[in-house]
Protein backbone atom coordinates (compact mmCIF):
# COMPACT_ATOMS: atom_id res chain seq x y z
CA UNK A 1 -6.36 -29.02 -23.82
CA UNK A 2 -9.57 -31.28 -24.09
CA UNK A 3 -11.35 -31.57 -20.81
CA UNK A 4 -14.61 -33.14 -19.85
CA UNK A 5 -16.95 -32.02 -17.14
CA UNK A 6 -18.23 -35.00 -14.91
CA UNK A 7 -20.00 -35.58 -11.89
CA UNK A 8 -18.22 -36.88 -8.77
CA UNK A 9 -20.15 -40.21 -9.06
CA UNK A 10 -18.27 -40.72 -12.56
CA UNK A 11 -14.75 -40.36 -11.21
CA UNK A 12 -12.54 -43.41 -11.36
CA UNK A 13 -8.97 -44.34 -10.63
CA UNK A 14 -6.81 -43.28 -13.63
CA UNK A 15 -8.65 -40.08 -14.29
CA UNK A 16 -6.59 -36.89 -13.99
CA UNK A 17 -8.45 -33.82 -12.19
CA UNK A 18 -8.11 -30.63 -13.98
CA UNK A 19 -10.66 -28.49 -12.07
CA UNK A 20 -12.71 -28.86 -8.93
CA UNK A 21 -15.84 -26.98 -7.87
CA UNK A 22 -14.69 -26.42 -4.41
CA UNK A 23 -12.01 -23.93 -3.14
CA UNK A 24 -8.45 -24.86 -2.88
CA UNK A 25 -8.93 -24.08 1.04
CA UNK A 26 -11.40 -26.94 1.18
CA UNK A 27 -9.36 -29.42 -0.96
CA UNK A 28 -7.96 -32.48 0.67
CA UNK A 29 -4.98 -32.29 -1.48
CA UNK A 30 -2.07 -29.95 -2.01
CA UNK A 31 -3.04 -29.28 -5.56
CA UNK A 32 -6.31 -29.65 -7.64
CA UNK A 33 -4.55 -30.95 -10.72
CA UNK A 34 -3.59 -34.59 -10.04
CA UNK A 35 -4.18 -38.21 -11.03
CA UNK A 36 -6.73 -40.23 -9.01
CA UNK A 37 -4.69 -43.26 -7.79
CA UNK A 38 -6.95 -45.00 -5.14
CA UNK A 39 -10.61 -45.11 -4.20
CA UNK A 40 -9.59 -43.33 -1.17
CA UNK A 41 -8.88 -40.21 -3.21
CA UNK A 42 -12.41 -40.19 -4.38
CA UNK A 43 -13.77 -40.88 -0.79
CA UNK A 44 -11.69 -37.64 0.24
CA UNK A 45 -13.10 -35.51 -2.62
CA UNK A 46 -16.76 -36.55 -1.71
CA UNK A 47 -16.23 -35.77 1.86
CA UNK A 48 -14.82 -32.34 1.03
CA UNK A 49 -17.92 -31.52 -0.91
CA UNK A 50 -17.02 -32.02 -4.44
CA UNK A 51 -20.08 -32.44 -6.64
CA UNK A 52 -18.79 -31.73 -10.17
CA UNK A 53 -15.12 -31.64 -11.64
CA UNK A 54 -13.44 -31.36 -14.96
CA UNK A 55 -10.92 -33.92 -15.92
CA UNK A 56 -8.02 -33.64 -18.45
CA UNK A 57 -8.32 -36.20 -21.37
CA UNK A 58 -4.80 -35.73 -22.33
CA UNK A 59 -3.43 -36.86 -19.04
CA UNK A 60 -5.74 -39.44 -17.67
CA UNK A 61 -8.49 -41.82 -18.45
CA UNK A 62 -11.82 -40.75 -20.07
CA UNK A 63 -15.28 -41.70 -18.79
CA UNK A 64 -17.16 -44.56 -20.42
CA UNK A 65 -18.76 -43.79 -23.77
CA UNK A 66 -22.31 -44.25 -22.44
CA UNK A 67 -21.80 -41.55 -19.84
CA UNK A 68 -19.79 -39.07 -21.59
CA UNK A 69 -20.76 -35.30 -21.58
CA UNK A 70 -19.85 -32.67 -24.11
CA UNK A 71 -16.05 -32.30 -24.49
CA UNK A 72 -14.83 -28.72 -24.28
CA UNK A 73 -11.64 -26.96 -24.59
CA UNK A 74 -10.49 -25.23 -21.45
CA UNK A 75 -7.98 -22.49 -21.08
CA UNK A 76 -8.42 -21.88 -17.11
CA UNK A 77 -8.56 -23.90 -13.85
CA UNK A 78 -12.01 -22.16 -13.36
CA UNK A 79 -11.88 -21.70 -9.58
CA UNK A 80 -14.39 -18.66 -9.92
CA UNK A 81 -16.97 -20.49 -7.83
CA UNK A 82 -14.41 -21.91 -5.57
CA UNK A 83 -13.05 -18.27 -4.93
CA UNK A 84 -16.73 -17.30 -4.05
CA UNK A 85 -16.76 -19.78 -1.33
CA UNK A 86 -13.32 -18.76 0.17
CA UNK A 87 -14.95 -15.59 1.21
CA UNK A 88 -11.87 -13.29 1.47
CA UNK A 89 -13.43 -11.28 4.10
CA UNK A 90 -12.11 -8.79 6.59
CA UNK A 91 -12.13 -11.18 9.38
CA UNK A 92 -9.64 -13.97 9.91
CA UNK A 93 -10.86 -17.52 8.37
CA UNK A 94 -11.98 -19.95 10.97
CA UNK A 95 -9.97 -23.13 11.65
CA UNK A 96 -13.02 -25.15 10.54
CA UNK A 97 -13.01 -23.31 6.90
CA UNK A 98 -9.57 -24.91 6.23
CA UNK A 99 -9.67 -28.62 6.87
CA UNK A 100 -6.17 -29.38 5.62
CA UNK A 101 -4.87 -32.59 7.24
CA UNK A 102 -0.93 -33.05 6.68
CA UNK A 103 -1.18 -36.75 7.05
CA UNK A 104 -3.84 -37.11 4.31
CA UNK A 105 -2.03 -34.80 2.01
CA UNK A 106 1.17 -36.39 2.34
CA UNK A 107 -0.54 -39.73 1.63
CA UNK A 108 -2.19 -38.54 -1.50
CA UNK A 109 0.62 -36.52 -3.26
CA UNK A 110 1.10 -37.62 -6.94
CA UNK A 111 4.44 -39.31 -7.83
CA UNK A 112 5.55 -36.05 -9.70
CA UNK A 113 4.95 -34.13 -6.63
CA UNK A 114 7.23 -36.00 -4.16
CA UNK A 115 9.71 -33.42 -2.84
CA UNK A 116 13.40 -33.08 -3.75
CA UNK A 117 15.84 -33.18 -0.92
CA UNK A 118 14.89 -30.19 1.24
CA UNK A 119 16.95 -27.67 3.22
CA UNK A 120 15.96 -25.50 6.18
CA UNK A 121 14.73 -22.03 5.67
CA UNK A 122 17.66 -20.42 7.32
CA UNK A 123 20.14 -22.37 5.32
CA UNK A 124 18.35 -21.57 2.15
CA UNK A 125 18.08 -18.04 2.79
CA UNK A 126 21.82 -17.65 2.40
CA UNK A 127 21.31 -18.80 -1.12
CA UNK A 128 18.37 -16.64 -1.48
CA UNK A 129 20.26 -13.49 -0.51
CA UNK A 130 23.22 -14.36 -2.86
CA UNK A 131 20.54 -14.84 -5.69
CA UNK A 132 18.71 -11.65 -4.76
CA UNK A 133 22.02 -9.69 -5.25
CA UNK A 134 22.62 -11.49 -8.56
CA UNK A 135 19.19 -10.77 -9.94
CA UNK A 136 19.26 -7.31 -8.71
CA UNK A 137 22.57 -6.71 -10.82
CA UNK A 138 21.13 -8.50 -13.78
CA UNK A 139 17.89 -6.08 -13.63
CA UNK A 140 20.40 -3.12 -13.73
CA UNK A 141 22.24 -4.46 -16.53
CA UNK A 142 18.99 -5.03 -18.43
CA UNK A 143 17.86 -1.67 -17.55
CA UNK A 144 21.17 0.04 -18.91
CA UNK A 145 20.78 -1.96 -22.24
CA UNK A 146 17.03 -0.79 -22.45
CA UNK A 147 17.84 2.73 -21.78
CA UNK A 148 20.59 2.81 -24.56
CA UNK A 149 18.28 0.89 -27.00
CA UNK A 150 20.84 -2.03 -27.22
CA UNK A 151 19.84 -5.56 -28.06
CA UNK A 152 19.59 -8.05 -25.03
CA UNK A 153 20.55 -11.70 -25.13
CA UNK A 154 18.26 -14.23 -23.63
CA UNK A 155 21.06 -16.72 -22.85
CA UNK A 156 22.37 -14.01 -20.32
CA UNK A 157 19.06 -14.62 -18.25
CA UNK A 158 18.61 -18.12 -18.28
CA UNK A 159 21.34 -19.28 -15.70
CA UNK A 160 19.75 -17.15 -12.86
CA UNK A 161 16.25 -18.72 -13.72
CA UNK A 162 17.73 -22.25 -13.30
CA UNK A 163 19.57 -21.27 -10.14
CA UNK A 164 16.41 -19.96 -8.62
CA UNK A 165 14.25 -22.95 -9.56
CA UNK A 166 16.81 -25.17 -7.88
CA UNK A 167 16.58 -22.86 -4.91
CA UNK A 168 12.79 -23.27 -4.90
CA UNK A 169 13.03 -27.00 -5.07
CA UNK A 170 15.01 -27.10 -1.87
CA UNK A 171 13.01 -24.66 -0.07
CA UNK A 172 9.91 -22.74 -1.63
CA UNK A 173 9.92 -20.11 1.05
CA UNK A 174 13.29 -18.52 1.00
CA UNK A 175 12.94 -16.30 -2.08
CA UNK A 176 9.55 -15.13 -0.82
CA UNK A 177 11.11 -14.20 2.43
CA UNK A 178 13.58 -11.93 0.65
CA UNK A 179 10.63 -10.34 -1.08
CA UNK A 180 8.86 -9.51 1.67
CA UNK A 181 11.67 -7.52 3.47
CA UNK A 182 11.15 -3.91 3.70
CA UNK A 183 13.19 -1.84 1.24
CA UNK A 184 15.27 1.22 2.09
CA UNK A 185 15.15 2.58 -1.28
CA UNK A 186 12.73 2.11 -4.26
CA UNK A 187 14.62 0.56 -7.01
CA UNK A 188 13.70 -1.17 -10.33
CA UNK A 189 15.98 -3.99 -9.51
CA UNK A 190 14.46 -4.64 -6.29
CA UNK A 191 11.01 -4.58 -8.15
CA UNK A 192 12.28 -6.95 -10.77
CA UNK A 193 13.67 -9.43 -7.97
CA UNK A 194 10.19 -9.17 -6.23
CA UNK A 195 7.97 -9.92 -9.32
CA UNK A 196 10.52 -12.85 -10.23
CA UNK A 197 10.32 -14.13 -6.67
CA UNK A 198 6.42 -14.50 -7.00
CA UNK A 199 6.30 -15.58 -10.77
CA UNK A 200 8.34 -18.64 -10.22
CA UNK A 201 6.55 -20.54 -7.39
CA UNK A 202 3.08 -19.31 -8.74
CA UNK A 203 3.74 -20.51 -12.42
CA UNK A 204 4.80 -23.97 -10.98
CA UNK A 205 1.70 -24.02 -8.78
CA UNK A 206 -0.52 -23.25 -11.66
CA UNK A 207 1.21 -26.19 -13.70
CA UNK A 208 3.06 -24.24 -16.28
CA UNK A 209 5.43 -25.93 -18.54
CA UNK A 210 9.41 -25.41 -18.27
CA UNK A 211 9.06 -23.39 -21.32
CA UNK A 212 6.21 -21.35 -20.10
CA UNK A 213 8.19 -20.75 -16.70
CA UNK A 214 11.27 -19.50 -18.52
CA UNK A 215 9.10 -17.07 -20.45
CA UNK A 216 7.35 -15.85 -17.45
CA UNK A 217 10.68 -15.47 -15.57
CA UNK A 218 12.27 -13.52 -18.42
CA UNK A 219 9.20 -11.05 -18.64
CA UNK A 220 9.39 -10.76 -14.67
CA UNK A 221 12.95 -9.46 -15.07
CA UNK A 222 12.36 -7.35 -18.02
CA UNK A 223 8.89 -5.84 -17.83
CA UNK A 224 9.56 -2.73 -16.08
CA UNK A 225 12.97 -1.98 -17.40
CA UNK A 226 11.51 0.51 -19.76
CA UNK A 227 11.31 2.91 -16.65
CA UNK A 228 15.01 3.39 -17.14
CA UNK A 229 13.98 6.12 -19.74
CA UNK A 230 11.42 7.87 -17.62
CA UNK A 231 11.81 10.34 -14.62
CA UNK A 232 12.95 8.05 -11.75
CA UNK A 233 10.98 10.32 -9.28
CA UNK A 234 7.79 8.82 -10.48
CA UNK A 235 8.56 5.25 -8.86
CA UNK A 236 7.14 5.37 -5.56
CA UNK A 237 5.62 9.08 -5.80
CA UNK A 238 2.90 8.02 -3.25
CA UNK A 239 0.56 10.79 -4.62
CA UNK A 240 -1.59 11.11 -7.46
CA UNK A 241 0.10 11.26 -10.75
CA UNK A 242 -0.83 14.11 -13.12
CA UNK A 243 -2.22 13.42 -16.76
CA UNK A 244 1.11 14.24 -18.31
CA UNK A 245 2.88 11.86 -15.72
CA UNK A 246 0.43 9.07 -16.54
CA UNK A 247 0.96 9.46 -20.40
CA UNK A 248 4.73 9.13 -19.64
CA UNK A 249 4.15 5.87 -17.54
CA UNK A 250 2.14 4.24 -20.36
CA UNK A 251 5.26 4.23 -22.53
CA UNK A 252 7.37 1.91 -20.48
CA UNK A 253 5.95 -1.31 -21.94
CA UNK A 254 6.45 -0.22 -25.59
CA UNK A 255 9.99 0.93 -24.66
CA UNK A 256 10.99 -2.46 -23.61
CA UNK A 257 9.13 -4.24 -26.50
CA UNK A 258 11.10 -2.20 -28.94
CA UNK A 259 14.32 -3.15 -27.61
CA UNK A 260 13.32 -6.96 -27.54
CA UNK A 261 12.46 -6.70 -31.19
CA UNK A 262 16.12 -5.95 -31.99
CA UNK A 263 17.22 -8.85 -29.76
CA UNK A 264 17.38 -12.07 -31.90
CA UNK A 265 16.78 -14.85 -29.45
CA UNK A 266 13.89 -13.83 -27.30
CA UNK A 267 10.76 -15.82 -27.62
CA UNK A 268 7.78 -13.69 -29.14
CA UNK A 269 5.87 -14.61 -25.94
CA UNK A 270 8.08 -12.69 -23.81
CA UNK A 271 7.61 -9.72 -25.89
CA UNK A 272 3.78 -10.12 -25.45
CA UNK A 273 3.93 -10.57 -21.95
CA UNK A 274 5.94 -7.15 -21.51
CA UNK A 275 3.55 -5.35 -23.64
CA UNK A 276 0.53 -6.66 -21.96
CA UNK A 277 1.40 -6.65 -18.27
CA UNK A 278 -0.77 -3.69 -17.48
CA UNK A 279 -3.70 -4.72 -19.49
CA UNK A 280 -6.94 -5.57 -17.56
CA UNK A 281 -9.51 -8.24 -18.18
CA UNK A 282 -12.10 -5.59 -18.27
CA UNK A 283 -10.55 -3.41 -20.87
CA UNK A 284 -9.32 -0.72 -18.27
CA UNK A 285 -5.64 -1.26 -18.68
CA UNK A 286 -3.05 0.06 -21.12
CA UNK A 287 -1.41 0.31 -23.59
CA UNK A 288 -4.21 -1.36 -25.77
CA UNK A 289 -7.14 -1.62 -23.49
CA UNK A 290 -7.42 -5.28 -24.30
CA UNK A 291 -10.01 -7.50 -22.66
CA UNK A 292 -9.88 -10.89 -21.23
CA UNK A 293 -10.20 -12.86 -24.59
CA UNK A 294 -7.18 -10.89 -26.17
CA UNK A 295 -4.87 -11.20 -23.18
CA UNK A 296 -2.38 -14.05 -23.18
CA UNK A 297 -3.03 -16.48 -20.47
CA UNK A 298 0.53 -16.17 -19.07
CA UNK A 299 -0.10 -12.39 -18.89
CA UNK A 300 -2.72 -13.23 -16.36
CA UNK A 301 0.15 -14.32 -14.01
CA UNK A 302 2.47 -11.62 -14.51
CA UNK A 303 -0.13 -9.14 -13.80
CA UNK A 304 -0.93 -10.10 -10.36
CA UNK A 305 2.70 -11.01 -9.57
CA UNK A 306 3.66 -7.39 -10.66
CA UNK A 307 0.68 -5.80 -8.70
CA UNK A 308 1.49 -7.55 -5.55
CA UNK A 309 5.11 -6.42 -5.27
CA UNK A 310 3.95 -2.89 -6.18
CA UNK A 311 1.32 -2.88 -3.64
CA UNK A 312 3.49 -4.17 -0.56
CA UNK A 313 6.42 -1.68 -1.46
CA UNK A 314 4.51 1.36 -2.51
CA UNK A 315 5.90 1.47 -6.22
CA UNK A 316 3.27 3.77 -7.46
CA UNK A 317 1.01 6.73 -6.44
CA UNK A 318 -0.10 4.78 -3.19
CA UNK A 319 2.01 3.99 0.01
CA UNK A 320 3.05 0.44 0.66
CA UNK A 321 0.52 -1.85 2.53
CA UNK A 322 0.66 -5.17 4.43
CA UNK A 323 0.87 -8.24 2.43
CA UNK A 324 -2.40 -9.68 3.43
CA UNK A 325 -4.17 -6.34 2.44
CA UNK A 326 -2.28 -6.50 -0.89
CA UNK A 327 -3.82 -9.97 -1.44
CA UNK A 328 -7.14 -8.79 -0.32
CA UNK A 329 -7.04 -5.83 -2.63
CA UNK A 330 -6.02 -7.98 -5.71
CA UNK A 331 -8.67 -10.50 -4.66
CA UNK A 332 -11.43 -7.94 -4.72
CA UNK A 333 -10.17 -6.46 -8.11
CA UNK A 334 -10.37 -10.03 -9.56
CA UNK A 335 -13.98 -10.37 -8.44
CA UNK A 336 -14.57 -7.05 -10.25
CA UNK A 337 -13.24 -8.66 -13.52
CA UNK A 338 -9.82 -7.09 -13.64
CA UNK A 339 -7.55 -10.30 -13.13
CA UNK A 340 -8.01 -14.10 -13.56
CA UNK A 341 -9.84 -15.45 -10.19
CA UNK A 342 -8.02 -18.76 -10.76
CA UNK A 343 -4.74 -17.01 -10.83
CA UNK A 344 -5.54 -14.96 -7.81
CA UNK A 345 -6.79 -17.89 -5.85
CA UNK A 346 -3.58 -19.75 -6.46
CA UNK A 347 -1.33 -16.80 -5.43
CA UNK A 348 -3.09 -16.64 -2.22
CA UNK A 349 -2.58 -20.34 -1.62
CA UNK A 350 1.24 -19.64 -2.53
CA UNK A 351 1.70 -16.63 -0.47
CA UNK A 352 -0.21 -18.15 2.53
CA UNK A 353 -3.22 -16.62 4.52
CA UNK A 354 -0.35 -14.95 6.76
CA UNK A 355 2.53 -14.20 4.16
CA UNK A 356 6.08 -14.36 5.50
CA UNK A 357 7.40 -11.53 7.73
CA UNK A 358 3.53 -10.74 8.50
CA UNK A 359 3.36 -9.20 12.05
CA UNK A 360 0.62 -10.82 13.89
CA UNK A 361 -0.85 -10.96 17.45
CA UNK A 362 -1.45 -14.42 19.19
CA UNK A 363 -4.60 -15.35 21.40
CA UNK A 364 -2.17 -15.36 24.37
CA UNK A 365 -1.17 -11.80 23.95
CA UNK A 366 2.18 -12.25 22.42
CA UNK A 367 3.20 -10.31 19.23
CA UNK A 368 5.28 -12.13 16.72
CA UNK A 369 6.58 -12.35 13.14
CA UNK A 370 5.65 -15.07 10.66
CA UNK A 371 9.12 -16.87 9.68
CA UNK A 372 7.92 -20.21 8.10
CA UNK A 373 4.52 -21.44 6.50
CA UNK A 374 3.06 -24.99 6.75
CA UNK A 375 1.36 -25.25 3.47
CA UNK A 376 -0.67 -28.04 4.87
CA UNK A 377 -1.75 -25.86 8.05
CA UNK A 378 -1.80 -22.44 6.68
CA UNK A 379 -3.52 -21.00 9.79
CA UNK A 380 -0.69 -22.28 11.90
CA UNK A 381 2.57 -20.83 10.98
CA UNK A 382 5.97 -20.99 12.87
CA UNK A 383 6.48 -17.65 14.37
CA UNK A 384 9.15 -15.68 16.23
CA UNK A 385 7.97 -14.09 19.41
CA UNK A 386 9.04 -10.30 19.62
CA UNK A 387 6.87 -8.92 22.46
CA UNK A 388 5.69 -11.05 25.55
CA UNK A 389 2.29 -11.02 26.63
CA UNK A 390 2.98 -8.26 29.12
CA UNK A 391 4.09 -6.05 26.32
CA UNK A 392 7.83 -6.31 27.00
CA UNK A 393 10.26 -6.99 24.33
CA UNK A 394 11.38 -10.62 24.15
CA UNK A 395 15.19 -10.60 24.83
CA UNK A 396 15.87 -13.99 23.78
CA UNK A 397 15.03 -15.99 20.61
CA UNK A 398 11.81 -17.82 20.99
CA UNK A 399 10.11 -19.70 18.20
CA UNK A 400 6.43 -21.01 18.25
CA UNK A 401 5.37 -23.89 16.00
CA UNK A 402 1.67 -23.25 16.04
CA UNK A 403 1.00 -26.47 14.16
CA UNK A 404 2.91 -28.62 16.94
CA UNK A 405 1.96 -27.22 20.32
CA UNK A 406 2.39 -28.84 23.57
CA UNK A 407 -0.63 -30.72 24.99
CA UNK A 408 -3.10 -28.41 26.28
CA UNK A 409 -2.06 -25.34 24.26
CA UNK A 410 -4.37 -23.97 21.67
CA UNK A 411 -2.69 -20.69 20.74
CA UNK A 412 -3.96 -19.14 17.48
CA UNK A 413 -3.30 -15.85 15.46
CA UNK A 414 -6.09 -13.34 16.23
CA UNK A 415 -5.11 -10.38 14.07
CA UNK A 416 -2.61 -8.97 11.68
CA UNK A 417 -0.60 -6.15 12.84
CA UNK A 418 0.58 -3.03 10.99
CA UNK A 419 4.06 -2.28 12.28
CA UNK A 420 3.62 1.45 11.46
CA UNK A 421 1.31 1.75 14.21
CA UNK A 422 3.38 2.66 17.19
CA UNK A 423 0.60 1.36 19.75
CA UNK A 424 1.02 -2.27 18.44
CA UNK A 425 5.02 -1.98 17.87
CA UNK A 426 6.13 0.78 20.24
CA UNK A 427 9.89 -0.11 19.72
CA UNK A 428 9.55 -0.78 15.98
CA UNK A 429 10.72 -4.53 16.32
CA UNK A 430 8.02 -5.78 14.03
CA UNK A 431 9.40 -3.90 11.04
CA UNK A 432 11.57 -6.23 8.99
CA UNK A 433 14.11 -4.31 6.94
CA UNK A 434 16.29 -5.74 4.20
CA UNK A 435 20.00 -6.10 5.30
């Protein structure tokens, strides 16, 4: 992919933006990658503080010959400097740090970003629940085949990928809601679903092709099925692994890869993704201790999706953690060079600053659960009030849309609550369990 770095003064209608030098939080658009259609688009970017950017020459116009700069091949969206500006700090971001205007964004979406016919979250959750069960059964079947060393057919996987993409096109939060529910048991099938639920919207957000989305989806369902040949008590052990246990665990990518090598219709890239999903860009991963330049670009997406679900559900030697804390931990690991900062930045955008089912406290003293996210106003989700300001449990359903408050109201989220803390959640009402 040929890209060119230009100054904002060189930007013209017809050019296609590949990368900005500001954070996605500061961007006036839903996505960085988009075609410039009006002078107003350029004005908005200047107002947002853009100084330099990269344009995609294969998808839009080039600059005039006398002002061209050196063309370069780019393999990443390059939000490294932008992530530095997001400042994923311990404190909550301020309202001023995220100037996302819904009217502006709606007016400036690309033609190919126009939404399909949408459904409500409650309506699509019914579909997502069916999909979750279907995906769980599929992962179990795949695990059984891997355990027995029998070939797998890629055609058995593609129908559920298509159904899930259709669900996301109707409502992109339903599958993620199912992912964030507490799990009574730690199962490979649930983990397969969780990574799958993250992979699809993240791959779409990053602009992956249809072929790449399918490859990532297949890898998400297959990547950990090698655990079916390992002692299952190691999943969710929640205490340090012994050196012998670590050596066993490191075998699971190769176990799946060997089975896929017997399978005739799997893309080679799926096998590569499965093998590399525990590699780290700094060379600290396994099984081959690869560094960034030798790790497939799609693997960078699978890595963080896998780790996010592992963190929030406690699938390794550590207990589960809050979604917001999981994002923070992955972000800091990316800053240290273990993961792609671009991919992690986009995952934070997909998940939201307050991920679905997050327990939060409002500035008026109420405690609530995040039930729906407005991607254009990420600090102001729809929440379900669980505890009133006086600490009493709410006995009737009460929903607050923080993005659409009554005149004179200015209720905001002031902190994220850990439902495990009995002081914040004395009746255990903020713990959302999978039905």
